Amino acid sequence: MLLTVEQLTKTFKHQTAVDQLSFSIKENECVALIGPNGSGKTTTLTMLAGLLTPTVGKISFLGKPSINRQELGYLPQYPAFYSWMTAREFLHFAGQLSNVPNNELKIKVEEMLSFVGLEMTKNKRIGGFSGGMKQRLGLAQALLHEPKLLILDEPVSALDPSGRRDVLQLMAQLKKRMAILFSTHVLHDAEQVSDNIIMLKSGALQWSGTLAALKETDNDPVYILSTEELLGNWLHDKPYVAGFELRSPTTAEISLRKQSDWNRLLEDCLRAKLTIIHFELKKQTLEDAYMGVMSR
């Protein structure tokens, strides 16, 4: 296992930002840390990056009790740059801080500039860069020393759709070469590149696994029923109905307490002499599954 986190906890005075969090990451695995604002994502990543000391808990990297900074690449949510530097100068400076050998540094800088698509603007001052260009430059500095684990805090949250797409495409390429742990509150971004997801709520682990497994979580099954007659409040007194919402006077989305209760619903429709036009199990979207888990 590349990274193992056990009972990781961070408390600020009387507030617990991260609460007994445990998870693991394999080599060349891309994991998304998902949760609403204030759920503890940034605090968790900052501790893993070695910039914040945990109150309690263990972090093991390749079986050792601490992360070797040379094996880690980190991009904060709001990376800072020296605006008077060019992209090439900044990467050369970052490479020296990361102890990249001088005889390799020049070649690696050019390789990274090309990889993130900044080769044509490498001699332009960073102060004139767009948000997307700065994010790509930040990604380049995190990759310069070829880490085994890349940690990205909300890497696309401040970007326009074009910049968002570019960075996600770069991440899809990178996960073939290293493990990636990135935070986001946008499910679509996680769906694009992640192999597994970790969901946080109020600093604690709420759910972890694959996106496919998330869609299969046991939320109340929802059926769509359409009839010729008005449905009104006919469903209110059915004990097997967990809830319902009228799409129109004759169509309802119905949550059943058990999936096997669909036959009871149809039997009651026949008893009430309702003419069924359409009846189907509604497919659960990723957002539906996410909201179901987070509401527990």
C-alpha atoms as a PDB file:
ATOM      1  CA  MET A   1       0.000   0.000   0.000  1.00  0.00           C
ATOM      2  CA  LEU A   2       1.369   3.432  -0.932  1.00  0.00           C
ATOM      3  CA  LEU A   3      -0.412   5.556   1.699  1.00  0.00           C
ATOM      4  CA  THR A   4      -2.226   4.464   4.853  1.00  0.00           C
ATOM      5  CA  VAL A   5      -4.082   6.879   7.119  1.00  0.00           C
ATOM      6  CA  GLU A   6      -5.272   5.669  10.532  1.00  0.00           C
ATOM      7  CA  GLN A   7      -7.591   7.555  12.896  1.00  0.00           C
ATOM      8  CA  LEU A   8      -6.364  10.913  11.589  1.00  0.00           C
ATOM      9  CA  THR A   9      -7.785  13.719  13.721  1.00  0.00           C
ATOM     10  CA  LYS A  10      -7.254  17.479  13.810  1.00  0.00           C
ATOM     11  CA  THR A  11      -8.762  19.704  16.475  1.00  0.00           C
ATOM     12  CA  PHE A  12      -8.595  23.497  16.568  1.00  0.00           C
ATOM     13  CA  LYS A  13      -9.367  24.633  20.136  1.00  0.00           C
ATOM     14  CA  HIS A  14     -12.834  23.130  20.683  1.00  0.00           C
ATOM     15  CA  GLN A  15     -13.636  22.374  17.040  1.00  0.00           C
ATOM     16  CA  THR A  16     -12.804  19.068  15.342  1.00  0.00           C
ATOM     17  CA  ALA A  17     -12.017  19.633  11.667  1.00  0.00           C
ATOM     18  CA  VAL A  18     -11.056  16.022  10.895  1.00  0.00           C
ATOM     19  CA  ASP A  19     -12.472  13.225  13.014  1.00  0.00           C
ATOM     20  CA  GLN A  20     -10.780   9.786  13.196  1.00  0.00           C
ATOM     21  CA  LEU A  21     -10.344   9.464   9.440  1.00  0.00           C
ATOM     22  CA  SER A  22      -8.906   6.212   8.059  1.00  0.00           C
ATOM     23  CA  PHE A  23      -8.277   5.205   4.439  1.00  0.00           C
ATOM     24  CA  SER A  24      -5.567   3.882   2.122  1.00  0.00           C
ATOM     25  CA  ILE A  25      -4.315   4.525  -1.410  1.00  0.00           C
ATOM     26  CA  LYS A  26      -2.573   2.084  -3.726  1.00  0.00           C
ATOM     27  CA  GLU A  27       0.174   2.961  -6.193  1.00  0.00           C
ATOM     28  CA  ASN A  28      -1.128   4.491  -9.446  1.00  0.00           C
ATOM     29  CA  GLU A  29      -4.604   4.914  -7.972  1.00  0.00           C
ATOM     30  CA  CYS A  30      -6.601   8.126  -8.396  1.00  0.00           C
ATOM     31  CA  VAL A  31      -8.779   8.943  -5.392  1.00  0.00           C
ATOM     32  CA  ALA A  32     -11.209  11.842  -5.048  1.00  0.00           C
ATOM     33  CA  LEU A  33     -11.865  13.347  -1.627  1.00  0.00           C
ATOM     34  CA  ILE A  34     -15.452  14.592  -1.840  1.00  0.00           C
ATOM     35  CA  GLY A  35     -17.561  16.661   0.485  1.00  0.00           C
ATOM     36  CA  PRO A  36     -19.231  20.049   0.909  1.00  0.00           C
ATOM     37  CA  ASN A  37     -17.307  23.141   1.935  1.00  0.00           C
ATOM     38  CA  GLY A  38     -16.181  22.822   5.549  1.00  0.00           C
ATOM     39  CA  SER A  39     -16.148  19.009   5.521  1.00  0.00           C
ATOM     40  CA  GLY A  40     -12.421  18.776   6.300  1.00  0.00           C
ATOM     41  CA  LYS A  41     -10.983  18.144   2.840  1.00  0.00           C
ATOM     42  CA  THR A  42      -8.324  20.882   2.860  1.00  0.00           C
ATOM     43  CA  THR A  43      -7.317  20.146   6.459  1.00  0.00           C
ATOM     44  CA  THR A  44      -6.834  16.475   5.572  1.00  0.00           C
ATOM     45  CA  LEU A  45      -4.687  17.236   2.523  1.00  0.00           C
ATOM     46  CA  THR A  46      -2.625  19.806   4.429  1.00  0.00           C
ATOM     47  CA  MET A  47      -1.805  17.217   7.076  1.00  0.00           C
ATOM     48  CA  LEU A  48      -0.854  14.655   4.425  1.00  0.00           C
ATOM     49  CA  ALA A  49       1.389  17.236   2.774  1.00  0.00           C
ATOM     50  CA  GLY A  50       3.214  17.729   6.068  1.00  0.00           C
ATOM     51  CA  LEU A  51       2.156  21.361   6.441  1.00  0.00           C
ATOM     52  CA  LEU A  52      -0.113  20.756   9.422  1.00  0.00           C
ATOM     53  CA  THR A  53       0.525  18.469  12.401  1.00  0.00           C
ATOM     54  CA  PRO A  54      -2.279  16.004  13.245  1.00  0.00           C
ATOM     55  CA  THR A  55      -3.721  16.119  16.760  1.00  0.00           C
ATOM     56  CA  VAL A  56      -4.038  12.323  16.734  1.00  0.00           C
ATOM     57  CA  GLY A  57      -3.510   9.580  14.183  1.00  0.00           C
ATOM     58  CA  LYS A  58      -0.927   7.906  11.976  1.00  0.00           C
ATOM     59  CA  ILE A  59       0.182   8.522   8.393  1.00  0.00           C
ATOM     60  CA  SER A  60       2.262   5.765   6.775  1.00  0.00           C
ATOM     61  CA  PHE A  61       3.898   6.074   3.370  1.00  0.00           C
ATOM     62  CA  LEU A  62       5.377   2.961   1.750  1.00  0.00           C
ATOM     63  CA  GLY A  63       5.301   1.326   5.168  1.00  0.00           C
ATOM     64  CA  LYS A  64       7.225   4.134   6.870  1.00  0.00           C
ATOM     65  CA  PRO A  65       5.744   6.372   9.607  1.00  0.00           C
ATOM     66  CA  SER A  66       6.109   9.609   7.620  1.00  0.00           C
ATOM     67  CA  ILE A  67       5.946  10.894   4.060  1.00  0.00           C
ATOM     68  CA  ASN A  68       9.229  11.603   2.308  1.00  0.00           C
ATOM     69  CA  ARG A  69       8.803  15.084   0.823  1.00  0.00           C
ATOM     70  CA  GLN A  70      10.738  13.964  -2.267  1.00  0.00           C
ATOM     71  CA  GLU A  71       8.021  11.387  -2.961  1.00  0.00           C
ATOM     72  CA  LEU A  72       5.200  13.932  -2.674  1.00  0.00           C
ATOM     73  CA  GLY A  73       3.878  16.585  -5.038  1.00  0.00           C
ATOM     74  CA  TYR A  74       1.445  19.148  -3.640  1.00  0.00           C
ATOM     75  CA  LEU A  75      -0.715  21.811  -5.263  1.00  0.00           C
ATOM     76  CA  PRO A  76      -2.776  23.958  -2.842  1.00  0.00           C
ATOM     77  CA  GLN A  77      -6.168  25.332  -3.831  1.00  0.00           C
ATOM     78  CA  TYR A  78      -4.734  28.827  -4.262  1.00  0.00           C
ATOM     79  CA  PRO A  79      -1.102  28.452  -5.382  1.00  0.00           C
ATOM     80  CA  ALA A  80       1.128  31.503  -4.935  1.00  0.00           C
ATOM     81  CA  PHE A  81       3.658  32.682  -7.494  1.00  0.00           C
ATOM     82  CA  TYR A  82       6.199  35.434  -7.905  1.00  0.00           C
ATOM     83  CA  SER A  83       4.468  37.517 -10.579  1.00  0.00           C
ATOM     84  CA  TRP A  84       7.756  38.993 -11.848  1.00  0.00           C
ATOM     85  CA  MET A  85       9.156  35.542 -12.672  1.00  0.00           C
ATOM     86  CA  THR A  86       8.658  33.770 -15.967  1.00  0.00           C
ATOM     87  CA  ALA A  87       7.220  30.262 -16.001  1.00  0.00           C
ATOM     88  CA  ARG A  88      10.648  28.833 -16.794  1.00  0.00           C
ATOM     89  CA  GLU A  89      12.317  30.778 -13.965  1.00  0.00           C
ATOM     90  CA  PHE A  90       9.683  29.693 -11.468  1.00  0.00           C
ATOM     91  CA  LEU A  91      10.041  26.009 -12.326  1.00  0.00           C
ATOM     92  CA  HIS A  92      13.836  26.275 -12.114  1.00  0.00           C
ATOM     93  CA  PHE A  93      13.440  27.830  -8.646  1.00  0.00           C
ATOM     94  CA  ALA A  94      10.922  25.151  -7.586  1.00  0.00           C
ATOM     95  CA  GLY A  95      13.230  22.414  -8.860  1.00  0.00           C
ATOM     96  CA  GLN A  96      16.090  23.707  -6.731  1.00  0.00           C
ATOM     97  CA  LEU A  97      13.831  23.704  -3.658  1.00  0.00           C
ATOM     98  CA  SER A  98      12.872  20.106  -4.480  1.00  0.00           C
ATOM     99  CA  ASN A  99      16.537  19.091  -4.777  1.00  0.00           C
ATOM    100  CA  VAL A 100      16.326  18.145  -8.439  1.00  0.00           C
ATOM    101  CA  PRO A 101      19.961  17.610  -9.581  1.00  0.00           C
ATOM    102  CA  ASN A 102      21.285  20.587 -11.558  1.00  0.00           C
ATOM    103  CA  ASN A 103      22.359  18.378 -14.457  1.00  0.00           C
ATOM    104  CA  GLU A 104      18.713  17.202 -14.829  1.00  0.00           C
ATOM    105  CA  LEU A 105      16.826  20.357 -13.901  1.00  0.00           C
ATOM    106  CA  LYS A 106      16.959  22.197 -17.232  1.00  0.00           C
ATOM    107  CA  ILE A 107      15.669  19.172 -19.132  1.00  0.00           C
ATOM    108  CA  LYS A 108      12.912  18.478 -16.593  1.00  0.00           C
ATOM    109  CA  VAL A 109      11.754  22.117 -16.658  1.00  0.00           C
ATOM    110  CA  GLU A 110      11.351  21.994 -20.432  1.00  0.00           C
ATOM    111  CA  GLU A 111       9.582  18.628 -20.222  1.00  0.00           C
ATOM    112  CA  MET A 112       7.102  19.901 -17.649  1.00  0.00           C
ATOM    113  CA  LEU A 113       6.398  23.111 -19.559  1.00  0.00           C
ATOM    114  CA  SER A 114       5.634  21.017 -22.621  1.00  0.00           C
ATOM    115  CA  PHE A 115       3.510  18.524 -20.679  1.00  0.00           C
ATOM    116  CA  VAL A 116       1.231  21.199 -19.182  1.00  0.00           C
ATOM    117  CA  GLY A 117       1.027  23.139 -22.436  1.00  0.00           C
ATOM    118  CA  LEU A 118       3.040  26.219 -21.455  1.00  0.00           C
ATOM    119  CA  GLU A 119       5.992  25.815 -23.815  1.00  0.00           C
ATOM    120  CA  MET A 120       4.849  28.781 -25.937  1.00  0.00           C
ATOM    121  CA  THR A 121       4.549  31.084 -22.911  1.00  0.00           C
ATOM    122  CA  LYS A 122       7.518  29.877 -20.857  1.00  0.00           C
ATOM    123  CA  ASN A 123       9.286  33.246 -21.093  1.00  0.00           C
ATOM    124  CA  LYS A 124       6.183  35.275 -20.242  1.00  0.00           C
ATOM    125  CA  ARG A 125       5.878  36.776 -16.751  1.00  0.00           C
ATOM    126  CA  ILE A 126       3.459  34.893 -14.510  1.00  0.00           C
ATOM    127  CA  GLY A 127       1.677  38.143 -13.600  1.00  0.00           C
ATOM    128  CA  GLY A 128       0.093  38.065 -17.055  1.00  0.00           C
ATOM    129  CA  PHE A 129      -1.116  34.463 -16.815  1.00  0.00           C
ATOM    130  CA  SER A 130      -4.797  33.470 -16.761  1.00  0.00           C
ATOM    131  CA  GLY A 131      -6.198  31.346 -13.952  1.00  0.00           C
ATOM    132  CA  GLY A 132      -5.931  28.212 -16.060  1.00  0.00           C
ATOM    133  CA  MET A 133      -2.319  28.916 -16.985  1.00  0.00           C
ATOM    134  CA  LYS A 134      -1.406  29.446 -13.324  1.00  0.00           C
ATOM    135  CA  GLN A 135      -3.078  26.183 -12.365  1.00  0.00           C
ATOM    136  CA  ARG A 136      -1.121  24.327 -15.048  1.00  0.00           C
ATOM    137  CA  LEU A 137       2.096  25.970 -13.862  1.00  0.00           C
ATOM    138  CA  GLY A 138       1.283  24.935 -10.287  1.00  0.00           C
ATOM    139  CA  LEU A 139       0.730  21.396 -11.507  1.00  0.00           C
ATOM    140  CA  ALA A 140       4.098  21.473 -13.294  1.00  0.00           C
ATOM    141  CA  GLN A 141       5.946  22.455 -10.096  1.00  0.00           C
ATOM    142  CA  ALA A 142       4.225  19.643  -8.203  1.00  0.00           C
ATOM    143  CA  LEU A 143       5.393  17.146 -10.832  1.00  0.00           C
ATOM    144  CA  LEU A 144       8.902  18.404 -11.427  1.00  0.00           C
ATOM    145  CA  HIS A 145      10.612  15.996  -9.022  1.00  0.00           C
ATOM    146  CA  GLU A 146       8.557  12.984 -10.205  1.00  0.00           C
ATOM    147  CA  PRO A 147       6.630  12.192  -6.990  1.00  0.00           C
ATOM    148  CA  LYS A 148       4.944   8.886  -6.233  1.00  0.00           C
ATOM    149  CA  LEU A 149       1.901  10.679  -4.767  1.00  0.00           C
ATOM    150  CA  LEU A 150       0.351  13.850  -6.148  1.00  0.00           C
ATOM    151  CA  ILE A 151      -1.959  15.793  -3.800  1.00  0.00           C
ATOM    152  CA  LEU A 152      -4.241  18.395  -5.397  1.00  0.00           C
ATOM    153  CA  ASP A 153      -6.603  20.624  -3.416  1.00  0.00           C
ATOM    154  CA  GLU A 154      -9.617  21.652  -5.543  1.00  0.00           C
ATOM    155  CA  PRO A 155      -7.464  21.724  -8.708  1.00  0.00           C
ATOM    156  CA  VAL A 156     -10.234  22.914 -11.050  1.00  0.00           C
ATOM    157  CA  SER A 157     -12.628  24.820  -8.772  1.00  0.00           C
ATOM    158  CA  ALA A 158     -11.573  28.302  -9.932  1.00  0.00           C
ATOM    159  CA  LEU A 159     -11.277  27.510 -13.638  1.00  0.00           C
ATOM    160  CA  ASP A 160     -13.560  28.186 -16.577  1.00  0.00           C
ATOM    161  CA  PRO A 161     -14.929  25.153 -18.516  1.00  0.00           C
ATOM    162  CA  SER A 162     -11.977  25.117 -20.925  1.00  0.00           C
ATOM    163  CA  GLY A 163      -9.371  25.271 -18.161  1.00  0.00           C
ATOM    164  CA  ARG A 164     -11.301  22.685 -16.160  1.00  0.00           C
ATOM    165  CA  ARG A 165     -11.270  20.267 -19.064  1.00  0.00           C
ATOM    166  CA  ASP A 166      -7.533  20.780 -19.705  1.00  0.00           C
ATOM    167  CA  VAL A 167      -6.519  20.089 -16.099  1.00  0.00           C
ATOM    168  CA  LEU A 168      -8.778  17.021 -15.835  1.00  0.00           C
ATOM    169  CA  GLN A 169      -7.239  15.656 -19.040  1.00  0.00           C
ATOM    170  CA  LEU A 170      -3.754  16.169 -17.592  1.00  0.00           C
ATOM    171  CA  MET A 171      -4.816  14.319 -14.437  1.00  0.00           C
ATOM    172  CA  ALA A 172      -6.120  11.415 -16.524  1.00  0.00           C
ATOM    173  CA  GLN A 173      -2.672  11.108 -18.106  1.00  0.00           C
ATOM    174  CA  LEU A 174      -0.827  11.476 -14.803  1.00  0.00           C
ATOM    175  CA  LYS A 175      -2.649   8.677 -12.999  1.00  0.00           C
ATOM    176  CA  LYS A 176      -0.874   6.222 -15.288  1.00  0.00           C
ATOM    177  CA  ARG A 177       2.428   7.323 -13.736  1.00  0.00           C
ATOM    178  CA  MET A 178       1.636   8.053 -10.075  1.00  0.00           C
ATOM    179  CA  ALA A 179      -1.056   7.958  -7.393  1.00  0.00           C
ATOM    180  CA  ILE A 180      -3.304  11.032  -7.173  1.00  0.00           C
ATOM    181  CA  LEU A 181      -5.388  12.266  -4.255  1.00  0.00           C
ATOM    182  CA  PHE A 182      -7.483  15.321  -5.059  1.00  0.00           C
ATOM    183  CA  SER A 183     -10.307  17.134  -3.336  1.00  0.00           C
ATOM    184  CA  THR A 184     -13.463  18.404  -4.993  1.00  0.00           C
ATOM    185  CA  HIS A 185     -17.089  19.180  -4.200  1.00  0.00           C
ATOM    186  CA  VAL A 186     -18.137  18.516  -7.830  1.00  0.00           C
ATOM    187  CA  LEU A 187     -19.169  14.917  -8.527  1.00  0.00           C
ATOM    188  CA  HIS A 188     -18.708  15.301 -12.273  1.00  0.00           C
ATOM    189  CA  ASP A 189     -14.998  16.046 -11.808  1.00  0.00           C
ATOM    190  CA  ALA A 190     -14.553  12.938  -9.664  1.00  0.00           C
ATOM    191  CA  GLU A 191     -16.394  10.862 -12.242  1.00  0.00           C
ATOM    192  CA  GLN A 192     -14.019  11.992 -14.996  1.00  0.00           C
ATOM    193  CA  VAL A 193     -10.758  10.722 -13.503  1.00  0.00           C
ATOM    194  CA  SER A 194     -11.080   8.940 -10.143  1.00  0.00           C
ATOM    195  CA  ASP A 195     -10.901   5.208  -9.471  1.00  0.00           C
ATOM    196  CA  ASN A 196     -12.257   5.532  -5.929  1.00  0.00           C
ATOM    197  CA  ILE A 197     -13.883   8.217  -3.833  1.00  0.00           C
ATOM    198  CA  ILE A 198     -13.781   9.117  -0.153  1.00  0.00           C
ATOM    199  CA  MET A 199     -16.757  11.098   1.117  1.00  0.00           C
ATOM    200  CA  LEU A 200     -16.394  13.369   4.132  1.00  0.00           C
ATOM    201  CA  LYS A 201     -19.092  14.947   6.257  1.00  0.00           C
ATOM    202  CA  SER A 202     -18.245  17.170   9.228  1.00  0.00           C
ATOM    203  CA  GLY A 203     -14.681  15.880   9.142  1.00  0.00           C
ATOM    204  CA  ALA A 204     -15.624  12.197   9.393  1.00  0.00           C
ATOM    205  CA  LEU A 205     -15.637   9.424   6.813  1.00  0.00           C
ATOM    206  CA  GLN A 206     -19.153   9.022   5.441  1.00  0.00           C
ATOM    207  CA  TRP A 207     -18.506   6.537   2.633  1.00  0.00           C
ATOM    208  CA  SER A 208     -15.660   5.165   0.497  1.00  0.00           C
ATOM    209  CA  GLY A 209     -15.463   2.965  -2.577  1.00  0.00           C
ATOM    210  CA  THR A 210     -15.892   3.117  -6.334  1.00  0.00           C
ATOM    211  CA  LEU A 211     -18.362   5.353  -8.133  1.00  0.00           C
ATOM    212  CA  ALA A 212     -20.126   2.259  -9.453  1.00  0.00           C
ATOM    213  CA  ALA A 213     -20.580   0.995  -5.896  1.00  0.00           C
ATOM    214  CA  LEU A 214     -21.900   4.400  -4.829  1.00  0.00           C
ATOM    215  CA  LYS A 215     -24.680   4.152  -7.401  1.00  0.00           C
ATOM    216  CA  GLU A 216     -25.673   0.818  -5.893  1.00  0.00           C
ATOM    217  CA  THR A 217     -26.048   2.125  -2.332  1.00  0.00           C
ATOM    218  CA  ASP A 218     -29.282   1.120  -0.637  1.00  0.00           C
ATOM    219  CA  ASN A 219     -31.432   4.216  -0.887  1.00  0.00           C
ATOM    220  CA  ASP A 220     -35.218   3.883  -1.059  1.00  0.00           C
ATOM    221  CA  PRO A 221     -36.157   2.611  -4.561  1.00  0.00           C
ATOM    222  CA  VAL A 222     -38.004   5.240  -6.601  1.00  0.00           C
ATOM    223  CA  TYR A 223     -40.697   4.373  -9.159  1.00  0.00           C
ATOM    224  CA  ILE A 224     -42.398   6.566 -11.735  1.00  0.00           C
ATOM    225  CA  LEU A 225     -46.152   5.996 -12.024  1.00  0.00           C
ATOM    226  CA  SER A 226     -48.445   7.608 -14.613  1.00  0.00           C
ATOM    227  CA  THR A 227     -52.206   7.063 -14.750  1.00  0.00           C
ATOM    228  CA  GLU A 228     -55.129   8.403 -16.763  1.00  0.00           C
ATOM    229  CA  GLU A 229     -56.868   9.498 -13.575  1.00  0.00           C
ATOM    230  CA  LEU A 230     -55.767  12.192 -11.135  1.00  0.00           C
ATOM    231  CA  LEU A 231     -53.492  10.822  -8.404  1.00  0.00           C
ATOM    232  CA  GLY A 232     -54.076  13.614  -5.857  1.00  0.00           C
ATOM    233  CA  ASN A 233     -53.327  12.461  -2.307  1.00  0.00           C
ATOM    234  CA  TRP A 234     -54.180   8.832  -3.017  1.00  0.00           C
ATOM    235  CA  LEU A 235     -50.688   7.679  -1.966  1.00  0.00           C
ATOM    236  CA  HIS A 236     -50.679   9.326   1.465  1.00  0.00           C
ATOM    237  CA  ASP A 237     -52.098   6.405   3.446  1.00  0.00           C
ATOM    238  CA  LYS A 238     -49.987   3.613   1.922  1.00  0.00           C
ATOM    239  CA  PRO A 239     -47.648   2.218   4.629  1.00  0.00           C
ATOM    240  CA  TYR A 240     -45.119   0.919   2.097  1.00  0.00           C
ATOM    241  CA  VAL A 241     -44.659   4.390   0.530  1.00  0.00           C
ATOM    242  CA  ALA A 242     -41.712   6.285   2.051  1.00  0.00           C
ATOM    243  CA  GLY A 243     -42.612   9.463   0.162  1.00  0.00           C
ATOM    244  CA  PHE A 244     -43.780  10.778  -3.188  1.00  0.00           C
ATOM    245  CA  GLU A 245     -43.682  13.851  -5.398  1.00  0.00           C
ATOM    246  CA  LEU A 246     -46.206  14.747  -8.079  1.00  0.00           C
ATOM    247  CA  ARG A 247     -44.604  15.590 -11.416  1.00  0.00           C
ATOM    248  CA  SER A 248     -48.067  16.393 -12.750  1.00  0.00           C
ATOM    249  CA  PRO A 249     -51.637  15.689 -11.587  1.00  0.00           C
ATOM    250  CA  THR A 250     -51.386  12.207 -13.158  1.00  0.00           C
ATOM    251  CA  THR A 251     -47.679  11.337 -12.692  1.00  0.00           C
ATOM    252  CA  ALA A 252     -45.750  10.760  -9.479  1.00  0.00           C
ATOM    253  CA  GLU A 253     -42.259   9.764  -8.359  1.00  0.00           C
ATOM    254  CA  ILE A 254     -42.800   7.307  -5.512  1.00  0.00           C
ATOM    255  CA  SER A 255     -40.183   6.171  -2.977  1.00  0.00           C
ATOM    256  CA  LEU A 256     -40.925   2.707  -1.627  1.00  0.00           C
ATOM    257  CA  ARG A 257     -39.591   1.346   1.641  1.00  0.00           C
ATOM    258  CA  LYS A 258     -38.619  -1.916  -0.103  1.00  0.00           C
ATOM    259  CA  GLN A 259     -38.131  -2.647  -3.795  1.00  0.00           C
ATOM    260  CA  SER A 260     -40.383  -5.702  -3.439  1.00  0.00           C
ATOM    261  CA  ASP A 261     -43.309  -3.419  -2.536  1.00  0.00           C
ATOM    262  CA  TRP A 262     -43.846  -2.437  -6.167  1.00  0.00           C
ATOM    263  CA  ASN A 263     -46.400  -5.238  -6.562  1.00  0.00           C
ATOM    264  CA  ARG A 264     -48.399  -3.914  -3.592  1.00  0.00           C
ATOM    265  CA  LEU A 265     -48.455  -0.521  -5.274  1.00  0.00           C
ATOM    266  CA  LEU A 266     -49.790  -1.973  -8.536  1.00  0.00           C
ATOM    267  CA  GLU A 267     -52.400  -4.043  -6.686  1.00  0.00           C
ATOM    268  CA  ASP A 268     -53.652  -0.922  -4.921  1.00  0.00           C
ATOM    269  CA  CYS A 269     -53.832   0.897  -8.261  1.00  0.00           C
ATOM    270  CA  LEU A 270     -56.073  -1.851  -9.616  1.00  0.00           C
ATOM    271  CA  ARG A 271     -58.266  -1.804  -6.519  1.00  0.00           C
ATOM    272  CA  ALA A 272     -58.670   1.949  -6.917  1.00  0.00           C
ATOM    273  CA  LYS A 273     -59.555   1.347 -10.594  1.00  0.00           C
ATOM    274  CA  LEU A 274     -56.679   3.523 -11.829  1.00  0.00           C
ATOM    275  CA  THR A 275     -55.634   3.079 -15.465  1.00  0.00           C
ATOM    276  CA  ILE A 276     -51.833   2.681 -15.519  1.00  0.00           C
ATOM    277  CA  ILE A 277     -50.161   4.318 -18.512  1.00  0.00           C
ATOM    278  CA  HIS A 278     -46.537   4.056 -17.423  1.00  0.00           C
ATOM    279  CA  PHE A 279     -44.660   2.370 -14.574  1.00  0.00           C
ATOM    280  CA  GLU A 280     -40.869   2.018 -14.188  1.00  0.00           C
ATOM    281  CA  LEU A 281     -38.033   1.947 -11.674  1.00  0.00           C
ATOM    282  CA  LYS A 282     -36.208   5.252 -11.830  1.00  0.00           C
ATOM    283  CA  LYS A 283     -32.469   4.861 -12.415  1.00  0.00           C
ATOM    284  CA  GLN A 284     -30.451   6.400  -9.611  1.00  0.00           C
ATOM    285  CA  THR A 285     -28.004   9.081 -10.724  1.00  0.00           C
ATOM    286  CA  LEU A 286     -24.658   9.676  -9.076  1.00  0.00           C
ATOM    287  CA  GLU A 287     -26.082  12.838  -7.510  1.00  0.00           C
ATOM    288  CA  ASP A 288     -29.040  10.882  -6.107  1.00  0.00           C
ATOM    289  CA  ALA A 289     -26.695   8.351  -4.508  1.00  0.00           C
ATOM    290  CA  TYR A 290     -24.430  11.085  -3.148  1.00  0.00           C
ATOM    291  CA  MET A 291     -27.311  12.987  -1.579  1.00  0.00           C
ATOM    292  CA  GLY A 292     -28.690   9.785  -0.123  1.00  0.00           C
ATOM    293  CA  VAL A 293     -25.392   8.927   1.576  1.00  0.00           C
ATOM    294  CA  MET A 294     -24.738  12.470   2.809  1.00  0.00           C
ATOM    295  CA  SER A 295     -28.226  12.762   4.323  1.00  0.00           C
ATOM    296  CA  ARG A 296     -27.687   9.769   6.640  1.00  0.00           C
END
